[in-house]
C-alpha atoms as a PDB file:
ATOM      1  CA  MET A   1     -19.583  21.922  41.732  1.00  0.00           C
ATOM      2  CA  SER A   2     -19.845  18.445  40.298  1.00  0.00           C
ATOM      3  CA  GLU A   3     -17.472  15.704  40.955  1.00  0.00           C
ATOM      4  CA  PRO A   4     -14.211  15.704  37.948  1.00  0.00           C
ATOM      5  CA  ARG A   5     -14.710  12.872  36.358  1.00  0.00           C
ATOM      6  CA  ILE A   6     -11.658  10.663  35.592  1.00  0.00           C
ATOM      7  CA  LEU A   7     -11.403   7.111  33.394  1.00  0.00           C
ATOM      8  CA  VAL A   8      -8.762   4.554  34.449  1.00  0.00           C
ATOM      9  CA  VAL A   9      -7.780   2.160  32.080  1.00  0.00           C
ATOM     10  CA  ASP A  10      -5.488  -0.258  33.147  1.00  0.00           C
ATOM     11  CA  ASP A  11      -5.944  -4.158  33.159  1.00  0.00           C
ATOM     12  CA  ASP A  12      -4.427  -5.425  36.181  1.00  0.00           C
ATOM     13  CA  PRO A  13      -8.377  -5.576  38.633  1.00  0.00           C
ATOM     14  CA  GLY A  14      -6.220  -4.798  41.738  1.00  0.00           C
ATOM     15  CA  ILE A  15      -4.790  -2.132  40.201  1.00  0.00           C
ATOM     16  CA  GLN A  16      -8.484  -1.042  38.687  1.00  0.00           C
ATOM     17  CA  THR A  17     -10.223  -1.419  42.251  1.00  0.00           C
ATOM     18  CA  LEU A  18      -7.105   0.224  44.433  1.00  0.00           C
ATOM     19  CA  LEU A  19      -7.143   3.527  41.977  1.00  0.00           C
ATOM     20  CA  ALA A  20     -11.414   3.499  41.807  1.00  0.00           C
ATOM     21  CA  ARG A  21     -11.392   2.938  45.687  1.00  0.00           C
ATOM     22  CA  TYR A  22      -8.990   5.616  46.383  1.00  0.00           C
ATOM     23  CA  LEU A  23      -9.687   8.326  43.392  1.00  0.00           C
ATOM     24  CA  ARG A  24     -13.300   8.158  44.442  1.00  0.00           C
ATOM     25  CA  GLY A  25     -12.507   8.865  48.189  1.00  0.00           C
ATOM     26  CA  GLN A  26     -10.677  12.036  47.214  1.00  0.00           C
ATOM     27  CA  GLY A  27     -13.926  13.698  45.757  1.00  0.00           C
ATOM     28  CA  PHE A  28     -13.457  12.280  42.258  1.00  0.00           C
ATOM     29  CA  ALA A  29     -15.936  10.782  39.973  1.00  0.00           C
ATOM     30  CA  VAL A  30     -14.611   7.062  38.530  1.00  0.00           C
ATOM     31  CA  GLN A  31     -14.761   4.779  35.794  1.00  0.00           C
ATOM     32  CA  VAL A  32     -12.746   1.601  34.906  1.00  0.00           C
ATOM     33  CA  ALA A  33     -11.930   0.263  31.263  1.00  0.00           C
ATOM     34  CA  ALA A  34      -9.607  -2.980  30.897  1.00  0.00           C
ATOM     35  CA  ASP A  35      -8.254  -2.586  27.484  1.00  0.00           C
ATOM     36  CA  ALA A  36      -8.877  -0.395  24.002  1.00  0.00           C
ATOM     37  CA  VAL A  37     -12.096  -1.683  23.357  1.00  0.00           C
ATOM     38  CA  GLN A  38     -13.366  -0.445  26.549  1.00  0.00           C
ATOM     39  CA  LEU A  39     -12.029   3.235  26.650  1.00  0.00           C
ATOM     40  CA  ASP A  40     -13.196   3.852  23.283  1.00  0.00           C
ATOM     41  CA  ALA A  41     -16.774   2.157  24.417  1.00  0.00           C
ATOM     42  CA  ALA A  42     -16.609   4.846  27.469  1.00  0.00           C
ATOM     43  CA  LEU A  43     -15.232   7.844  25.422  1.00  0.00           C
ATOM     44  CA  ALA A  44     -18.412   7.166  23.060  1.00  0.00           C
ATOM     45  CA  GLN A  45     -20.619   6.876  25.952  1.00  0.00           C
ATOM     46  CA  SER A  46     -19.648  10.303  27.502  1.00  0.00           C
ATOM     47  CA  ALA A  47     -17.460  13.233  26.922  1.00  0.00           C
ATOM     48  CA  ALA A  48     -17.667  14.443  29.548  1.00  0.00           C
ATOM     49  CA  PHE A  49     -14.511  12.838  31.004  1.00  0.00           C
ATOM     50  CA  ASP A  50     -12.124  15.516  33.016  1.00  0.00           C
ATOM     51  CA  LEU A  51      -8.688  12.817  32.885  1.00  0.00           C
ATOM     52  CA  ILE A  52      -7.591   9.627  31.465  1.00  0.00           C
ATOM     53  CA  VAL A  53      -5.423   7.788  33.182  1.00  0.00           C
ATOM     54  CA  LEU A  54      -4.058   5.317  30.778  1.00  0.00           C
ATOM     55  CA  ASP A  55      -1.442   2.388  31.081  1.00  0.00           C
ATOM     56  CA  ILE A  56       0.993   2.059  28.337  1.00  0.00           C
ATOM     57  CA  MET A  57       0.945  -1.904  29.017  1.00  0.00           C
ATOM     58  CA  LEU A  58      -2.393  -3.055  28.144  1.00  0.00           C
ATOM     59  CA  PRO A  59      -3.731  -6.062  26.139  1.00  0.00           C
ATOM     60  CA  GLY A  60      -4.246  -5.435  22.403  1.00  0.00           C
ATOM     61  CA  GLU A  61      -3.541  -2.325  21.948  1.00  0.00           C
ATOM     62  CA  ASP A  62      -0.977  -0.547  24.454  1.00  0.00           C
ATOM     63  CA  GLY A  63      -1.159   2.707  25.565  1.00  0.00           C
ATOM     64  CA  LEU A  64       1.702   4.229  23.377  1.00  0.00           C
ATOM     65  CA  SER A  65      -0.558   3.805  20.574  1.00  0.00           C
ATOM     66  CA  ILE A  66      -3.674   4.607  22.149  1.00  0.00           C
ATOM     67  CA  ALA A  67      -2.079   8.311  23.306  1.00  0.00           C
ATOM     68  CA  ARG A  68      -0.970   8.464  19.353  1.00  0.00           C
ATOM     69  CA  ARG A  69      -4.145   7.965  17.996  1.00  0.00           C
ATOM     70  CA  LEU A  70      -6.316   9.793  20.023  1.00  0.00           C
ATOM     71  CA  ASN A  71      -6.890  13.712  19.150  1.00  0.00           C
ATOM     72  CA  PRO A  72      -5.128  16.137  21.300  1.00  0.00           C
ATOM     73  CA  ALA A  73      -7.072  19.022  20.534  1.00  0.00           C
ATOM     74  CA  THR A  74     -10.339  16.763  20.988  1.00  0.00           C
ATOM     75  CA  ARG A  75      -9.270  14.091  24.174  1.00  0.00           C
ATOM     76  CA  PRO A  76      -9.002  14.842  27.859  1.00  0.00           C
ATOM     77  CA  PRO A  77      -5.937  15.569  29.858  1.00  0.00           C
ATOM     78  CA  LEU A  78      -3.612  12.236  29.559  1.00  0.00           C
ATOM     79  CA  ILE A  79      -1.293  10.956  32.136  1.00  0.00           C
ATOM     80  CA  MET A  80       0.284   7.708  31.868  1.00  0.00           C
ATOM     81  CA  LEU A  81       1.804   5.009  33.293  1.00  0.00           C
ATOM     82  CA  SER A  82       4.100   2.382  33.036  1.00  0.00           C
ATOM     83  CA  ALA A  83       4.924  -0.535  34.844  1.00  0.00           C
ATOM     84  CA  ARG A  84       8.257  -0.832  32.694  1.00  0.00           C
ATOM     85  CA  GLY A  85      10.232   2.218  34.034  1.00  0.00           C
ATOM     86  CA  GLU A  86      12.127   2.685  30.745  1.00  0.00           C
ATOM     87  CA  GLU A  87      13.006   6.243  29.405  1.00  0.00           C
ATOM     88  CA  ILE A  88      12.045   5.782  25.873  1.00  0.00           C
ATOM     89  CA  ASP A  89       8.418   4.967  27.233  1.00  0.00           C
ATOM     90  CA  ARG A  90       8.569   8.073  29.294  1.00  0.00           C
ATOM     91  CA  ILE A  91      10.253  10.121  26.232  1.00  0.00           C
ATOM     92  CA  VAL A  92       7.146   8.715  23.486  1.00  0.00           C
ATOM     93  CA  GLY A  93       4.745   9.363  25.731  1.00  0.00           C
ATOM     94  CA  LEU A  94       5.600  12.771  26.420  1.00  0.00           C
ATOM     95  CA  GLU A  95       6.649  13.450  22.639  1.00  0.00           C
ATOM     96  CA  LEU A  96       2.427  12.130  22.125  1.00  0.00           C
ATOM     97  CA  GLY A  97       1.051  15.228  24.038  1.00  0.00           C
ATOM     98  CA  ALA A  98       0.715  13.457  27.534  1.00  0.00           C
ATOM     99  CA  ASP A  99       0.705  16.195  29.823  1.00  0.00           C
ATOM    100  CA  ASP A 100       2.320  13.586  32.885  1.00  0.00           C
ATOM    101  CA  TYR A 101       3.661  10.242  33.184  1.00  0.00           C
ATOM    102  CA  LEU A 102       4.229   8.352  36.515  1.00  0.00           C
ATOM    103  CA  PRO A 103       6.197   4.796  36.767  1.00  0.00           C
ATOM    104  CA  LYS A 104       4.766   2.115  38.398  1.00  0.00           C
ATOM    105  CA  PRO A 105       4.979   1.426  41.433  1.00  0.00           C
ATOM    106  CA  PHE A 106       3.686   5.261  42.907  1.00  0.00           C
ATOM    107  CA  ASN A 107       1.747   5.885  46.089  1.00  0.00           C
ATOM    108  CA  PRO A 108      -1.743   6.753  45.059  1.00  0.00           C
ATOM    109  CA  ARG A 109      -1.551  10.755  46.360  1.00  0.00           C
ATOM    110  CA  GLU A 110       1.013  11.205  44.155  1.00  0.00           C
ATOM    111  CA  LEU A 111      -1.105   9.870  41.085  1.00  0.00           C
ATOM    112  CA  VAL A 112      -4.117  12.536  43.066  1.00  0.00           C
ATOM    113  CA  ALA A 113      -1.386  15.570  43.204  1.00  0.00           C
ATOM    114  CA  ARG A 114      -0.483  15.365  39.393  1.00  0.00           C
ATOM    115  CA  ILE A 115      -4.172  14.564  38.570  1.00  0.00           C
ATOM    116  CA  LYS A 116      -5.296  17.967  40.366  1.00  0.00           C
ATOM    117  CA  ALA A 117      -2.339  20.022  38.630  1.00  0.00           C
ATOM    118  CA  VAL A 118      -3.195  19.143  35.128  1.00  0.00           C
ATOM    119  CA  LEU A 119      -7.260  20.008  35.862  1.00  0.00           C
ATOM    120  CA  ARG A 120      -6.396  22.800  37.523  1.00  0.00           C
ATOM    121  CA  ARG A 121      -4.408  24.428  34.501  1.00  0.00           C
ATOM    122  CA  ARG A 122      -7.293  22.878  32.043  1.00  0.00           C
ATOM    123  CA  GLN A 123      -9.767  25.162  34.199  1.00  0.00           C
ATOM    124  CA  GLY A 124      -7.348  27.775  33.725  1.00  0.00           C
ATOM    125  CA  LYS A 125      -7.863  27.487  30.570  1.00  0.00           C
ATOM    126  CA  VAL A 126     -11.787  26.949  30.043  1.00  0.00           C
ATOM    127  CA  MET A 127     -12.578  29.703  32.464  1.00  0.00           C
ATOM    128  CA  ALA A 128     -14.809  32.356  30.564  1.00  0.00           C
ATOM    129  CA  ALA A 129     -13.585  36.541  29.974  1.00  0.00           C
ATOM    130  CA  GLU A 130     -10.567  38.142  28.634  1.00  0.00           C
ATOM    131  CA  PRO A 131      -8.111  38.339  31.229  1.00  0.00           C
ATOM    132  CA  THR A 132      -7.274  41.640  32.890  1.00  0.00           C
ATOM    133  CA  ALA A 133      -3.973  43.913  31.733  1.00  0.00           C
ATOM    134  CA  GLU A 134      -3.017  43.436  35.647  1.00  0.00           C
ATOM    135  CA  MET A 135      -3.266  39.941  35.130  1.00  0.00           C
ATOM    136  CA  LEU A 136      -1.138  39.260  32.310  1.00  0.00           C
ATOM    137  CA  HIS A 137       2.991  39.621  32.278  1.00  0.00           C
ATOM    138  CA  ARG A 138       4.740  40.285  28.972  1.00  0.00           C
ATOM    139  CA  VAL A 139       8.110  39.433  28.345  1.00  0.00           C
ATOM    140  CA  GLY A 140       9.021  40.256  24.550  1.00  0.00           C
ATOM    141  CA  ASP A 141       6.704  38.775  22.211  1.00  0.00           C
ATOM    142  CA  PHE A 142       4.909  36.758  24.882  1.00  0.00           C
ATOM    143  CA  THR A 143       2.069  37.648  27.360  1.00  0.00           C
ATOM    144  CA  ARG A 144       1.840  35.239  30.506  1.00  0.00           C
ATOM    145  CA  ASP A 145      -1.352  34.756  32.396  1.00  0.00           C
ATOM    146  CA  ASP A 146      -0.818  32.970  35.827  1.00  0.00           C
ATOM    147  CA  THR A 147      -4.550  32.572  36.861  1.00  0.00           C
ATOM    148  CA  ARG A 148      -5.588  30.533  34.339  1.00  0.00           C
ATOM    149  CA  ARG A 149      -2.209  29.181  33.310  1.00  0.00           C
ATOM    150  CA  GLN A 150      -2.463  30.275  29.490  1.00  0.00           C
ATOM    151  CA  ALA A 151       0.426  31.667  27.121  1.00  0.00           C
ATOM    152  CA  PHE A 152       0.316  34.446  24.385  1.00  0.00           C
ATOM    153  CA  LEU A 153       2.847  34.629  21.977  1.00  0.00           C
ATOM    154  CA  HIS A 154       2.064  37.856  19.916  1.00  0.00           C
ATOM    155  CA  GLU A 155      -1.536  38.237  21.445  1.00  0.00           C
ATOM    156  CA  LYS A 156      -2.411  34.696  19.871  1.00  0.00           C
ATOM    157  CA  PRO A 157      -2.972  31.754  22.714  1.00  0.00           C
ATOM    158  CA  LEU A 158      -0.714  28.801  22.761  1.00  0.00           C
ATOM    159  CA  GLU A 159      -2.183  25.481  23.253  1.00  0.00           C
ATOM    160  CA  LEU A 160       0.360  24.537  25.829  1.00  0.00           C
ATOM    161  CA  THR A 161       0.385  20.596  27.505  1.00  0.00           C
ATOM    162  CA  HIS A 162       0.933  21.324  31.667  1.00  0.00           C
ATOM    163  CA  GLY A 163       4.777  20.217  31.375  1.00  0.00           C
ATOM    164  CA  GLU A 164       5.303  22.795  28.032  1.00  0.00           C
ATOM    165  CA  TRP A 165       3.933  25.275  30.499  1.00  0.00           C
ATOM    166  CA  GLN A 166       6.208  24.339  33.275  1.00  0.00           C
ATOM    167  CA  LEU A 167       8.933  24.910  30.831  1.00  0.00           C
ATOM    168  CA  LEU A 168       7.587  28.232  29.095  1.00  0.00           C
ATOM    169  CA  SER A 169       7.100  30.003  32.531  1.00  0.00           C
ATOM    170  CA  PHE A 170      10.564  28.924  33.689  1.00  0.00           C
ATOM    171  CA  PHE A 171      12.245  30.651  30.996  1.00  0.00           C
ATOM    172  CA  LEU A 172       9.952  33.757  30.706  1.00  0.00           C
ATOM    173  CA  ASP A 173      10.807  33.916  34.382  1.00  0.00           C
ATOM    174  CA  ARG A 174      14.413  33.351  33.445  1.00  0.00           C
ATOM    175  CA  PRO A 175      14.781  35.741  29.844  1.00  0.00           C
ATOM    176  CA  ASN A 176      18.502  35.963  27.750  1.00  0.00           C
ATOM    177  CA  ARG A 177      20.263  33.218  30.491  1.00  0.00           C
ATOM    178  CA  VAL A 178      22.462  30.447  29.477  1.00  0.00           C
ATOM    179  CA  ILE A 179      20.920  27.809  31.880  1.00  0.00           C
ATOM    180  CA  HIS A 180      22.017  24.387  31.837  1.00  0.00           C
ATOM    181  CA  ARG A 181      19.823  21.447  31.221  1.00  0.00           C
ATOM    182  CA  ASP A 182      20.447  19.907  34.682  1.00  0.00           C
ATOM    183  CA  ALA A 183      19.286  22.859  36.550  1.00  0.00           C
ATOM    184  CA  ILE A 184      15.905  23.038  34.228  1.00  0.00           C
ATOM    185  CA  MET A 185      15.456  19.150  35.547  1.00  0.00           C
ATOM    186  CA  ASP A 186      16.338  20.267  38.894  1.00  0.00           C
ATOM    187  CA  ALA A 187      13.765  22.664  39.193  1.00  0.00           C
ATOM    188  CA  LEU A 188      10.940  21.474  37.033  1.00  0.00           C
ATOM    189  CA  LYS A 189      10.921  17.304  37.590  1.00  0.00           C
ATOM    190  CA  GLY A 190       7.647  15.803  38.279  1.00  0.00           C
ATOM    191  CA  TYR A 191       9.173  12.673  38.895  1.00  0.00           C
ATOM    192  CA  GLU A 192      12.128  10.882  40.301  1.00  0.00           C
ATOM    193  CA  ARG A 193      15.452  11.978  38.136  1.00  0.00           C
ATOM    194  CA  ALA A 194      16.845   8.577  36.544  1.00  0.00           C
ATOM    195  CA  ALA A 195      20.773   8.723  34.532  1.00  0.00           C
ATOM    196  CA  PHE A 196      20.721  10.263  31.205  1.00  0.00           C
ATOM    197  CA  ASP A 197      16.807  11.349  31.443  1.00  0.00           C
ATOM    198  CA  ARG A 198      15.880  13.331  28.652  1.00  0.00           C
ATOM    199  CA  SER A 199      12.722  14.302  29.161  1.00  0.00           C
ATOM    200  CA  ILE A 200      13.808  18.429  29.281  1.00  0.00           C
ATOM    201  CA  ASP A 201      14.780  17.447  25.915  1.00  0.00           C
ATOM    202  CA  VAL A 202      12.014  16.399  24.676  1.00  0.00           C
ATOM    203  CA  ARG A 203       9.238  19.395  26.420  1.00  0.00           C
ATOM    204  CA  VAL A 204      11.903  21.527  24.876  1.00  0.00           C
ATOM    205  CA  THR A 205      11.458  19.800  21.279  1.00  0.00           C
ATOM    206  CA  ARG A 206       8.040  19.956  21.747  1.00  0.00           C
ATOM    207  CA  LEU A 207       7.285  23.925  23.050  1.00  0.00           C
ATOM    208  CA  ARG A 208       9.680  25.005  19.835  1.00  0.00           C
ATOM    209  CA  ARG A 209       7.028  23.158  17.783  1.00  0.00           C
ATOM    210  CA  LYS A 210       4.194  25.246  19.915  1.00  0.00           C
ATOM    211  CA  ILE A 211       6.576  28.862  19.867  1.00  0.00           C
ATOM    212  CA  GLU A 212       8.388  28.474  16.795  1.00  0.00           C
ATOM    213  CA  THR A 213       7.985  29.505  13.016  1.00  0.00           C
ATOM    214  CA  ASN A 214      10.556  27.056  11.917  1.00  0.00           C
ATOM    215  CA  PRO A 215      11.408  24.647  14.867  1.00  0.00           C
ATOM    216  CA  VAL A 216      14.889  23.442  13.385  1.00  0.00           C
ATOM    217  CA  GLU A 217      15.864  27.096  13.379  1.00  0.00           C
ATOM    218  CA  PRO A 218      15.149  28.807  16.593  1.00  0.00           C
ATOM    219  CA  ARG A 219      14.582  32.273  17.365  1.00  0.00           C
ATOM    220  CA  TYR A 220      13.418  32.065  20.769  1.00  0.00           C
ATOM    221  CA  LEU A 221      14.474  28.578  22.066  1.00  0.00           C
ATOM    222  CA  ILE A 222      18.036  28.434  21.626  1.00  0.00           C
ATOM    223  CA  THR A 223      20.429  25.553  22.111  1.00  0.00           C
ATOM    224  CA  ILE A 224      23.968  26.823  23.425  1.00  0.00           C
ATOM    225  CA  TRP A 225      25.898  23.651  22.584  1.00  0.00           C
ATOM    226  CA  GLY A 226      28.058  22.463  25.847  1.00  0.00           C
ATOM    227  CA  GLU A 227      26.460  24.554  27.889  1.00  0.00           C
ATOM    228  CA  GLY A 228      22.214  24.454  27.936  1.00  0.00           C
ATOM    229  CA  TYR A 229      19.346  26.602  26.405  1.00  0.00           C
ATOM    230  CA  LEU A 230      18.839  30.491  26.279  1.00  0.00           C
ATOM    231  CA  PHE A 231      15.839  31.832  25.953  1.00  0.00           C
ATOM    232  CA  ALA A 232      15.417  34.927  23.661  1.00  0.00           C
ATOM    233  CA  PRO A 233      11.594  36.522  24.123  1.00  0.00           C
ATOM    234  CA  GLN A 234      12.236  39.101  21.541  1.00  0.00           C
ATOM    235  CA  GLY A 235      13.507  36.655  18.819  1.00  0.00           C
ATOM    236  CA  ARG A 236      16.994  36.299  17.214  1.00  0.00           C
ATOM    237  CA  SER A 237      17.681  36.634  13.798  1.00  0.00           C
ATOM    238  CA  SER A 238      17.733  33.155  11.742  1.00  0.00           C
ATOM    239  CA  GLY A 239      21.339  33.495  11.990  1.00  0.00           C
ATOM    240  CA  ALA A 240      21.983  33.235  15.559  1.00  0.00           C
ATOM    241  CA  PRO A 241      23.575  29.991  16.825  1.00  0.00           C
ATOM    242  CA  ALA A 242      21.293  27.108  17.486  1.00  0.00           C
END
């Protein structure tokens, strides 16, 4: 099996050297880029990257702008880095479809763990063959294949990021229950929680765009004001509270 190919985009030569050396030692093939121009050149030369590690603070075009213009349907999975540690960066990055987010400074071992988790999910989606009935878990209108980390709504596959898959799986295991957002955060946090962390709300918003006919009036993922969220896998009528 060939080494997964990682494109690291960071303008700090020290970070480039550290990550390239560490990731190669963990069995990855690594190419580095210092800015958007070099990133575009790398992508133009090869469509075979398995994942991009993208710093937000770049000279010229910043990482958020890059993430905004890269087509999520055709680009590799994306893990974003930021030295700012600002909540708005995390939220915007998630809204733009990043598969994960890691604030600087970080332990390279944590980055490797995040990369492997994202690649496992992507590999599951690409695996050939239809899942067998034994592999599927049906809950209301939804079907989940844990082996391939794939979910279906009315038998149609959902294109979910790693964070969206985690959130949907969490709710599928807890149908028709009101769950406080803090409980969701405790179960799903992929990084240290900060005060007033809104990343779960961002994931909910993005997941609704994937599963709801009208995300403004959700039938499946319903806000219970002052309490949390309720997941109704068979859908509620449009007149239900949301």
